[in-house]
C-alpha atoms as a PDB file:
ATOM      1  CA  MET A   1      -6.121  17.019   6.295  1.00  0.00           C
ATOM      2  CA  ALA A   2      -9.240  18.523   4.586  1.00  0.00           C
ATOM      3  CA  THR A   3     -12.202  16.334   5.053  1.00  0.00           C
ATOM      4  CA  SER A   4     -15.378  18.313   5.256  1.00  0.00           C
ATOM      5  CA  VAL A   5     -17.852  17.742   2.552  1.00  0.00           C
ATOM      6  CA  ALA A   6     -21.167  18.788   4.235  1.00  0.00           C
ATOM      7  CA  GLY A   7     -24.050  18.523   1.960  1.00  0.00           C
ATOM      8  CA  ALA A   8     -22.318  16.141  -0.455  1.00  0.00           C
ATOM      9  CA  LYS A   9     -24.746  14.116  -2.567  1.00  0.00           C
ATOM     10  CA  PRO A  10     -24.234  10.632  -4.128  1.00  0.00           C
ATOM     11  CA  ARG A  11     -22.664  10.804  -7.562  1.00  0.00           C
ATOM     12  CA  ARG A  12     -25.197  10.009 -10.321  1.00  0.00           C
ATOM     13  CA  ARG A  13     -24.513   9.395 -14.002  1.00  0.00           C
ATOM     14  CA  ALA A  14     -26.742  11.404 -16.166  1.00  0.00           C
ATOM     15  CA  HIS A  15     -26.614   9.330 -19.385  1.00  0.00           C
ATOM     16  CA  GLY A  16     -26.048   5.628 -18.881  1.00  0.00           C
ATOM     17  CA  PRO A  17     -22.849   3.960 -18.312  1.00  0.00           C
ATOM     18  CA  GLU A  18     -19.737   5.990 -17.784  1.00  0.00           C
ATOM     19  CA  SER A  19     -17.666   6.555 -20.836  1.00  0.00           C
ATOM     20  CA  ARG A  20     -14.068   5.640 -20.835  1.00  0.00           C
ATOM     21  CA  LEU A  21     -12.930   9.142 -21.237  1.00  0.00           C
ATOM     22  CA  ALA A  22     -15.160  10.114 -18.334  1.00  0.00           C
ATOM     23  CA  LEU A  23     -13.788   7.510 -16.214  1.00  0.00           C
ATOM     24  CA  VAL A  24     -10.189   8.496 -16.929  1.00  0.00           C
ATOM     25  CA  ARG A  25     -11.037  12.186 -16.104  1.00  0.00           C
ATOM     26  CA  ARG A  26     -12.798  11.254 -12.879  1.00  0.00           C
ATOM     27  CA  ALA A  27      -9.997   8.900 -11.782  1.00  0.00           C
ATOM     28  CA  ARG A  28      -7.469  11.788 -12.376  1.00  0.00           C
ATOM     29  CA  ARG A  29      -9.441  14.403 -10.558  1.00  0.00           C
ATOM     30  CA  MET A  30      -9.850  11.945  -7.565  1.00  0.00           C
ATOM     31  CA  ASN A  31      -6.105  11.392  -7.554  1.00  0.00           C
ATOM     32  CA  ARG A  32      -5.636  15.240  -7.541  1.00  0.00           C
ATOM     33  CA  ILE A  33      -7.962  15.537  -4.601  1.00  0.00           C
ATOM     34  CA  LEU A  34      -6.104  12.842  -2.728  1.00  0.00           C
ATOM     35  CA  ALA A  35      -2.915  14.719  -3.378  1.00  0.00           C
ATOM     36  CA  GLU A  36      -4.369  17.901  -1.863  1.00  0.00           C
ATOM     37  CA  THR A  37      -5.712  15.882   1.084  1.00  0.00           C
ATOM     38  CA  TYR A  38      -2.516  13.929   1.767  1.00  0.00           C
ATOM     39  CA  PRO A  39       0.385  16.113   0.761  1.00  0.00           C
ATOM     40  CA  ASP A  40       2.637  14.079   3.089  1.00  0.00           C
ATOM     41  CA  ALA A  41       1.696  10.626   1.885  1.00  0.00           C
ATOM     42  CA  HIS A  42       4.592   8.284   1.996  1.00  0.00           C
ATOM     43  CA  CYS A  43       5.499   4.610   2.833  1.00  0.00           C
ATOM     44  CA  GLU A  44       4.895   4.181   6.554  1.00  0.00           C
ATOM     45  CA  LEU A  45       7.410   1.393   6.922  1.00  0.00           C
ATOM     46  CA  ASN A  46      10.757   2.752   8.328  1.00  0.00           C
ATOM     47  CA  PHE A  47      13.838   1.869   6.352  1.00  0.00           C
ATOM     48  CA  ALA A  48      17.388   3.176   5.654  1.00  0.00           C
ATOM     49  CA  ASP A  49      18.147   1.222   2.533  1.00  0.00           C
ATOM     50  CA  PRO A  50      16.621  -1.133  -0.063  1.00  0.00           C
ATOM     51  CA  PHE A  51      17.471  -4.153   1.868  1.00  0.00           C
ATOM     52  CA  GLN A  52      15.701  -2.945   4.961  1.00  0.00           C
ATOM     53  CA  LEU A  53      12.650  -1.972   2.924  1.00  0.00           C
ATOM     54  CA  LEU A  54      12.452  -5.400   1.330  1.00  0.00           C
ATOM     55  CA  VAL A  55      12.713  -7.118   4.682  1.00  0.00           C
ATOM     56  CA  ALA A  56      10.276  -4.825   6.174  1.00  0.00           C
ATOM     57  CA  THR A  57       7.796  -5.361   3.417  1.00  0.00           C
ATOM     58  CA  VAL A  58       8.016  -9.099   3.620  1.00  0.00           C
ATOM     59  CA  LEU A  59       7.432  -8.831   7.314  1.00  0.00           C
ATOM     60  CA  SER A  60       4.305  -6.580   6.834  1.00  0.00           C
ATOM     61  CA  ALA A  61       2.163  -9.375   5.483  1.00  0.00           C
ATOM     62  CA  GLN A  62      -0.789  -9.996   7.736  1.00  0.00           C
ATOM     63  CA  THR A  63       0.276  -7.307  10.319  1.00  0.00           C
ATOM     64  CA  THR A  64       0.523  -3.589  10.659  1.00  0.00           C
ATOM     65  CA  ASP A  65       3.426  -1.228   9.795  1.00  0.00           C
ATOM     66  CA  VAL A  66       3.373  -0.180  13.328  1.00  0.00           C
ATOM     67  CA  ARG A  67       4.205  -3.703  14.458  1.00  0.00           C
ATOM     68  CA  VAL A  68       6.935  -4.085  11.786  1.00  0.00           C
ATOM     69  CA  ASN A  69       8.510  -0.718  12.829  1.00  0.00           C
ATOM     70  CA  MET A  70       8.626  -2.021  16.341  1.00  0.00           C
ATOM     71  CA  VAL A  71      10.569  -5.122  15.291  1.00  0.00           C
ATOM     72  CA  THR A  72      12.966  -3.994  12.567  1.00  0.00           C
ATOM     73  CA  PRO A  73      15.360  -1.892  14.713  1.00  0.00           C
ATOM     74  CA  ALA A  74      16.573  -4.720  16.673  1.00  0.00           C
ATOM     75  CA  LEU A  75      16.393  -7.020  13.583  1.00  0.00           C
ATOM     76  CA  PHE A  76      18.612  -4.795  11.406  1.00  0.00           C
ATOM     77  CA  ALA A  77      21.009  -4.215  14.312  1.00  0.00           C
ATOM     78  CA  ARG A  78      21.528  -7.919  14.498  1.00  0.00           C
ATOM     79  CA  TYR A  79      21.525  -8.486  10.733  1.00  0.00           C
ATOM     80  CA  PRO A  80      22.548  -5.380   8.888  1.00  0.00           C
ATOM     81  CA  THR A  81      23.418  -6.983   5.548  1.00  0.00           C
ATOM     82  CA  PRO A  82      21.939  -9.842   3.402  1.00  0.00           C
ATOM     83  CA  GLU A  83      25.193 -11.918   4.204  1.00  0.00           C
ATOM     84  CA  ASP A  84      24.374 -11.383   7.893  1.00  0.00           C
ATOM     85  CA  MET A  85      20.825 -12.508   7.698  1.00  0.00           C
ATOM     86  CA  ALA A  86      21.517 -15.339   5.405  1.00  0.00           C
ATOM     87  CA  ALA A  87      23.879 -16.901   8.057  1.00  0.00           C
ATOM     88  CA  ALA A  88      21.275 -16.271  10.904  1.00  0.00           C
ATOM     89  CA  ASP A  89      20.290 -19.013  13.246  1.00  0.00           C
ATOM     90  CA  PRO A  90      16.641 -19.690  12.298  1.00  0.00           C
ATOM     91  CA  GLU A  91      15.463 -19.914  15.915  1.00  0.00           C
ATOM     92  CA  GLU A  92      17.106 -16.548  16.766  1.00  0.00           C
ATOM     93  CA  LEU A  93      15.679 -14.902  13.616  1.00  0.00           C
ATOM     94  CA  GLU A  94      12.116 -16.361  14.470  1.00  0.00           C
ATOM     95  CA  LYS A  95      12.330 -14.895  17.992  1.00  0.00           C
ATOM     96  CA  LEU A  96      13.128 -11.458  16.741  1.00  0.00           C
ATOM     97  CA  ILE A  97      10.139 -11.366  14.234  1.00  0.00           C
ATOM     98  CA  GLN A  98       7.695 -13.444  16.296  1.00  0.00           C
ATOM     99  CA  SER A  99       5.334 -10.622  17.104  1.00  0.00           C
ATOM    100  CA  THR A 100       4.705 -10.033  13.405  1.00  0.00           C
ATOM    101  CA  GLY A 101       2.760 -13.198  13.056  1.00  0.00           C
ATOM    102  CA  PHE A 102       3.417 -16.283  10.711  1.00  0.00           C
ATOM    103  CA  PHE A 103       6.977 -15.853  12.031  1.00  0.00           C
ATOM    104  CA  ARG A 104       8.206 -19.419  10.977  1.00  0.00           C
ATOM    105  CA  SER A 105       7.312 -18.928   7.280  1.00  0.00           C
ATOM    106  CA  LYS A 106       8.524 -15.327   7.324  1.00  0.00           C
ATOM    107  CA  ALA A 107      11.844 -16.514   8.824  1.00  0.00           C
ATOM    108  CA  ARG A 108      12.151 -19.135   6.021  1.00  0.00           C
ATOM    109  CA  ASN A 109      11.456 -16.403   3.400  1.00  0.00           C
ATOM    110  CA  LEU A 110      13.928 -13.967   5.004  1.00  0.00           C
ATOM    111  CA  LEU A 111      16.638 -16.589   5.084  1.00  0.00           C
ATOM    112  CA  GLY A 112      15.982 -17.534   1.541  1.00  0.00           C
ATOM    113  CA  LEU A 113      15.790 -13.991   0.108  1.00  0.00           C
ATOM    114  CA  ALA A 114      18.938 -12.965   1.967  1.00  0.00           C
ATOM    115  CA  ALA A 115      20.815 -16.045   0.596  1.00  0.00           C
ATOM    116  CA  GLY A 116      19.364 -15.167  -2.994  1.00  0.00           C
ATOM    117  CA  LEU A 117      20.719 -11.581  -2.607  1.00  0.00           C
ATOM    118  CA  ARG A 118      24.122 -12.832  -1.469  1.00  0.00           C
ATOM    119  CA  ASP A 119      24.436 -15.706  -4.077  1.00  0.00           C
ATOM    120  CA  ARG A 120      22.751 -14.371  -7.036  1.00  0.00           C
ATOM    121  CA  PHE A 121      22.893 -10.476  -6.797  1.00  0.00           C
ATOM    122  CA  GLY A 122      26.190  -9.748  -5.214  1.00  0.00           C
ATOM    123  CA  GLY A 123      24.416  -8.764  -1.980  1.00  0.00           C
ATOM    124  CA  GLU A 124      22.392  -6.048  -3.625  1.00  0.00           C
ATOM    125  CA  VAL A 125      18.635  -5.640  -4.045  1.00  0.00           C
ATOM    126  CA  PRO A 126      17.845  -6.054  -7.826  1.00  0.00           C
ATOM    127  CA  ARG A 127      16.167  -3.129  -9.532  1.00  0.00           C
ATOM    128  CA  THR A 128      13.758  -4.941 -11.763  1.00  0.00           C
ATOM    129  CA  LEU A 129      10.374  -6.591 -10.978  1.00  0.00           C
ATOM    130  CA  GLU A 130      11.366  -9.704 -12.829  1.00  0.00           C
ATOM    131  CA  GLU A 131      14.391 -10.350 -10.730  1.00  0.00           C
ATOM    132  CA  LEU A 132      12.750  -9.209  -7.333  1.00  0.00           C
ATOM    133  CA  VAL A 133       9.848 -11.845  -7.607  1.00  0.00           C
ATOM    134  CA  THR A 134      12.349 -14.702  -8.004  1.00  0.00           C
ATOM    135  CA  LEU A 135      13.249 -14.077  -4.196  1.00  0.00           C
ATOM    136  CA  PRO A 136      11.387 -16.177  -1.577  1.00  0.00           C
ATOM    137  CA  GLY A 137       8.446 -14.319  -0.003  1.00  0.00           C
ATOM    138  CA  VAL A 138       8.668 -11.567  -2.743  1.00  0.00           C
ATOM    139  CA  GLY A 139       5.523 -11.192  -4.808  1.00  0.00           C
ATOM    140  CA  ARG A 140       4.571  -8.462  -7.293  1.00  0.00           C
ATOM    141  CA  LYS A 141       3.099  -6.226  -4.439  1.00  0.00           C
ATOM    142  CA  THR A 142       6.279  -6.437  -2.516  1.00  0.00           C
ATOM    143  CA  ALA A 143       8.377  -5.797  -5.534  1.00  0.00           C
ATOM    144  CA  ASN A 144       6.494  -2.722  -6.383  1.00  0.00           C
ATOM    145  CA  VAL A 145       6.801  -1.279  -2.957  1.00  0.00           C
ATOM    146  CA  VAL A 146      10.565  -1.749  -3.129  1.00  0.00           C
ATOM    147  CA  LEU A 147      10.992  -0.368  -6.797  1.00  0.00           C
ATOM    148  CA  GLY A 148       8.908   2.651  -6.073  1.00  0.00           C
ATOM    149  CA  ASN A 149      10.268   3.601  -2.749  1.00  0.00           C
ATOM    150  CA  ALA A 150      13.872   2.586  -2.854  1.00  0.00           C
ATOM    151  CA  PHE A 151      14.675   3.083  -6.515  1.00  0.00           C
ATOM    152  CA  ASP A 152      11.958   5.603  -7.698  1.00  0.00           C
ATOM    153  CA  VAL A 153      10.677   3.125 -10.288  1.00  0.00           C
ATOM    154  CA  PRO A 154       6.979   3.742 -10.688  1.00  0.00           C
ATOM    155  CA  GLY A 155       4.651   0.994  -9.526  1.00  0.00           C
ATOM    156  CA  ILE A 156       1.188   0.398  -8.152  1.00  0.00           C
ATOM    157  CA  THR A 157       0.845  -1.534  -4.918  1.00  0.00           C
ATOM    158  CA  VAL A 158      -2.401  -3.325  -4.788  1.00  0.00           C
ATOM    159  CA  ASP A 159      -2.949  -4.145  -1.186  1.00  0.00           C
ATOM    160  CA  THR A 160      -6.213  -4.613   0.631  1.00  0.00           C
ATOM    161  CA  HIS A 161      -6.743  -0.882   0.993  1.00  0.00           C
ATOM    162  CA  PHE A 162      -6.002  -0.102  -2.586  1.00  0.00           C
ATOM    163  CA  GLY A 163      -8.077  -2.870  -3.925  1.00  0.00           C
ATOM    164  CA  ARG A 164     -11.117  -1.868  -1.789  1.00  0.00           C
ATOM    165  CA  LEU A 165     -10.968   1.696  -2.859  1.00  0.00           C
ATOM    166  CA  ALA A 166     -10.376   0.941  -6.525  1.00  0.00           C
ATOM    167  CA  HIS A 167     -13.653  -1.032  -6.425  1.00  0.00           C
ATOM    168  CA  ARG A 168     -15.615   1.585  -4.535  1.00  0.00           C
ATOM    169  CA  PHE A 169     -14.337   4.302  -6.809  1.00  0.00           C
ATOM    170  CA  GLY A 170     -15.474   2.389  -9.829  1.00  0.00           C
ATOM    171  CA  TRP A 171     -11.987   2.213 -11.284  1.00  0.00           C
ATOM    172  CA  THR A 172     -12.124  -1.584 -11.720  1.00  0.00           C
ATOM    173  CA  THR A 173     -14.332  -4.526 -11.275  1.00  0.00           C
ATOM    174  CA  GLU A 174     -11.428  -7.022 -11.058  1.00  0.00           C
ATOM    175  CA  THR A 175     -10.677  -8.972  -8.011  1.00  0.00           C
ATOM    176  CA  ASP A 176      -7.293 -10.280  -9.048  1.00  0.00           C
ATOM    177  CA  PRO A 177      -4.622  -7.865  -7.697  1.00  0.00           C
ATOM    178  CA  VAL A 178      -2.528  -8.074 -11.003  1.00  0.00           C
ATOM    179  CA  LYS A 179      -5.563  -7.124 -12.990  1.00  0.00           C
ATOM    180  CA  VAL A 180      -6.516  -4.404 -10.712  1.00  0.00           C
ATOM    181  CA  GLU A 181      -2.936  -3.000 -11.057  1.00  0.00           C
ATOM    182  CA  HIS A 182      -3.109  -2.994 -14.895  1.00  0.00           C
ATOM    183  CA  GLU A 183      -6.568  -1.526 -15.035  1.00  0.00           C
ATOM    184  CA  VAL A 184      -5.652   1.290 -12.599  1.00  0.00           C
ATOM    185  CA  ALA A 185      -2.398   1.951 -14.473  1.00  0.00           C
ATOM    186  CA  GLU A 186      -4.350   2.690 -17.669  1.00  0.00           C
ATOM    187  CA  LEU A 187      -6.244   5.538 -15.779  1.00  0.00           C
ATOM    188  CA  ILE A 188      -3.361   7.255 -14.018  1.00  0.00           C
ATOM    189  CA  PRO A 189      -0.208   8.564 -15.506  1.00  0.00           C
ATOM    190  CA  ARG A 190       2.815   6.411 -14.847  1.00  0.00           C
ATOM    191  CA  ARG A 191       4.770   9.024 -12.999  1.00  0.00           C
ATOM    192  CA  GLU A 192       2.058   9.166 -10.378  1.00  0.00           C
ATOM    193  CA  TRP A 193       1.719   5.267  -9.719  1.00  0.00           C
ATOM    194  CA  THR A 194       3.883   5.196  -6.525  1.00  0.00           C
ATOM    195  CA  ILE A 195       2.507   8.208  -4.903  1.00  0.00           C
ATOM    196  CA  LEU A 196      -1.036   7.180  -5.854  1.00  0.00           C
ATOM    197  CA  SER A 197      -0.464   3.978  -3.988  1.00  0.00           C
ATOM    198  CA  HIS A 198       0.504   5.878  -0.837  1.00  0.00           C
ATOM    199  CA  ARG A 199      -2.422   8.202  -1.066  1.00  0.00           C
ATOM    200  CA  MET A 200      -4.919   5.269  -1.553  1.00  0.00           C
ATOM    201  CA  ILE A 201      -3.426   3.497   1.446  1.00  0.00           C
ATOM    202  CA  TRP A 202      -3.499   6.630   3.546  1.00  0.00           C
ATOM    203  CA  HIS A 203      -7.204   7.295   2.609  1.00  0.00           C
ATOM    204  CA  GLY A 204      -8.073   3.724   3.266  1.00  0.00           C
ATOM    205  CA  ARG A 205      -6.486   3.733   6.691  1.00  0.00           C
ATOM    206  CA  ARG A 206      -7.928   7.149   7.726  1.00  0.00           C
ATOM    207  CA  ILE A 207     -11.364   7.503   6.068  1.00  0.00           C
ATOM    208  CA  CYS A 208     -12.538   4.836   3.648  1.00  0.00           C
ATOM    209  CA  HIS A 209     -12.688   1.930   6.142  1.00  0.00           C
ATOM    210  CA  ALA A 210     -13.704  -1.468   5.200  1.00  0.00           C
ATOM    211  CA  ARG A 211     -16.641  -1.761   7.517  1.00  0.00           C
ATOM    212  CA  ARG A 212     -17.900   1.842   7.983  1.00  0.00           C
ATOM    213  CA  PRO A 213     -16.383   4.394   5.546  1.00  0.00           C
ATOM    214  CA  ALA A 214     -16.661   7.962   6.854  1.00  0.00           C
ATOM    215  CA  CYS A 215     -18.467   9.063   3.688  1.00  0.00           C
ATOM    216  CA  GLY A 216     -19.881  12.251   5.349  1.00  0.00           C
ATOM    217  CA  VAL A 217     -16.475  13.801   5.635  1.00  0.00           C
ATOM    218  CA  CYS A 218     -14.743  12.213   2.489  1.00  0.00           C
ATOM    219  CA  PRO A 219     -13.233  14.720   0.153  1.00  0.00           C
ATOM    220  CA  LEU A 220     -14.016  12.448  -2.737  1.00  0.00           C
ATOM    221  CA  ALA A 221     -17.707  12.085  -1.877  1.00  0.00           C
ATOM    222  CA  ARG A 222     -18.992  13.965  -5.002  1.00  0.00           C
ATOM    223  CA  LEU A 223     -17.099  11.797  -7.257  1.00  0.00           C
ATOM    224  CA  CYS A 224     -17.539   8.456  -5.669  1.00  0.00           C
ATOM    225  CA  PRO A 225     -20.203   6.032  -6.999  1.00  0.00           C
ATOM    226  CA  SER A 226     -20.155   4.266  -3.553  1.00  0.00           C
ATOM    227  CA  PHE A 227     -21.174   7.332  -1.574  1.00  0.00           C
ATOM    228  CA  GLY A 228     -23.551   6.195   1.142  1.00  0.00           C
ATOM    229  CA  GLU A 229     -21.902   2.955   2.028  1.00  0.00           C
ATOM    230  CA  GLY A 230     -21.074   4.488   5.325  1.00  0.00           C
ATOM    231  CA  PRO A 231     -22.601   7.359   7.435  1.00  0.00           C
ATOM    232  CA  THR A 232     -23.296  10.487   5.311  1.00  0.00           C
ATOM    233  CA  ASP A 233     -23.939  12.940   8.045  1.00  0.00           C
ATOM    234  CA  GLU A 234     -20.754  14.865   8.938  1.00  0.00           C
ATOM    235  CA  GLU A 235     -21.050  14.588  12.745  1.00  0.00           C
ATOM    236  CA  THR A 236     -21.201  10.788  12.740  1.00  0.00           C
ATOM    237  CA  ALA A 237     -18.726  10.389   9.916  1.00  0.00           C
ATOM    238  CA  ARG A 238     -16.167  12.589  11.732  1.00  0.00           C
ATOM    239  CA  ARG A 239     -16.124  10.277  14.638  1.00  0.00           C
ATOM    240  CA  LEU A 240     -14.980   7.421  12.315  1.00  0.00           C
ATOM    241  CA  VAL A 241     -11.905   9.232  11.005  1.00  0.00           C
ATOM    242  CA  ARG A 242      -8.638   7.843  12.099  1.00  0.00           C
ATOM    243  CA  THR A 243      -5.805  10.451  12.186  1.00  0.00           C
ATOM    244  CA  GLY A 244      -2.681   8.217  12.463  1.00  0.00           C
ATOM    245  CA  PRO A 245       0.114   8.107  12.327  1.00  0.00           C
ATOM    246  CA  PHE A 246       0.212   4.400  11.232  1.00  0.00           C
ATOM    247  CA  SER A 247       4.006   4.081  11.507  1.00  0.00           C
END
């Protein structure tokens, strides 16, 4: 992972507000740098099929991918299909997922979405956002994760990392995740949406942290209007870098 940017200076706009064309060019250049920095970026939830990814993504709310990946092997061994999970004993299901937090509401959602898959979709995970969001516990973010990673349908996943970075990069001023998604989608080619989401999440987990971003070793420093929110000297910044893996 290339991170050294010794001598980087804060980005300055020479002639007033950034034009739309300049913003698009800068966003796409930043995406290219992220691609070079994280060539192996991918979904860090472990899954073998669309149903497993859907369940894992629902479980990932308010917890880490690491924790979810610790829970799902036993969960999927016990309930390998939507039909199996829909017939699960609620208390047994809760016990299996307890360590992910909010386990009672998550269990209700899993039982509901499994029943929905069984009763309305023939036991198959639907391939459209409109259908996915009708399932309990499945919002737009979860739907985009499933569509992009299980079915190769491009989508932008606005989690906390993505939203934070999109603001720091000056790509959007919106706070609503759906509006952030739409604004960023206008900057980046559609074919890049899913992999951009992974690159942003990887960068947020490893360098562009919420409290102390490692600005001094950030490969995007020269293009980022928020350069300087974290330590800018390389030695200090390098100590803040988290190398992962996060799965």
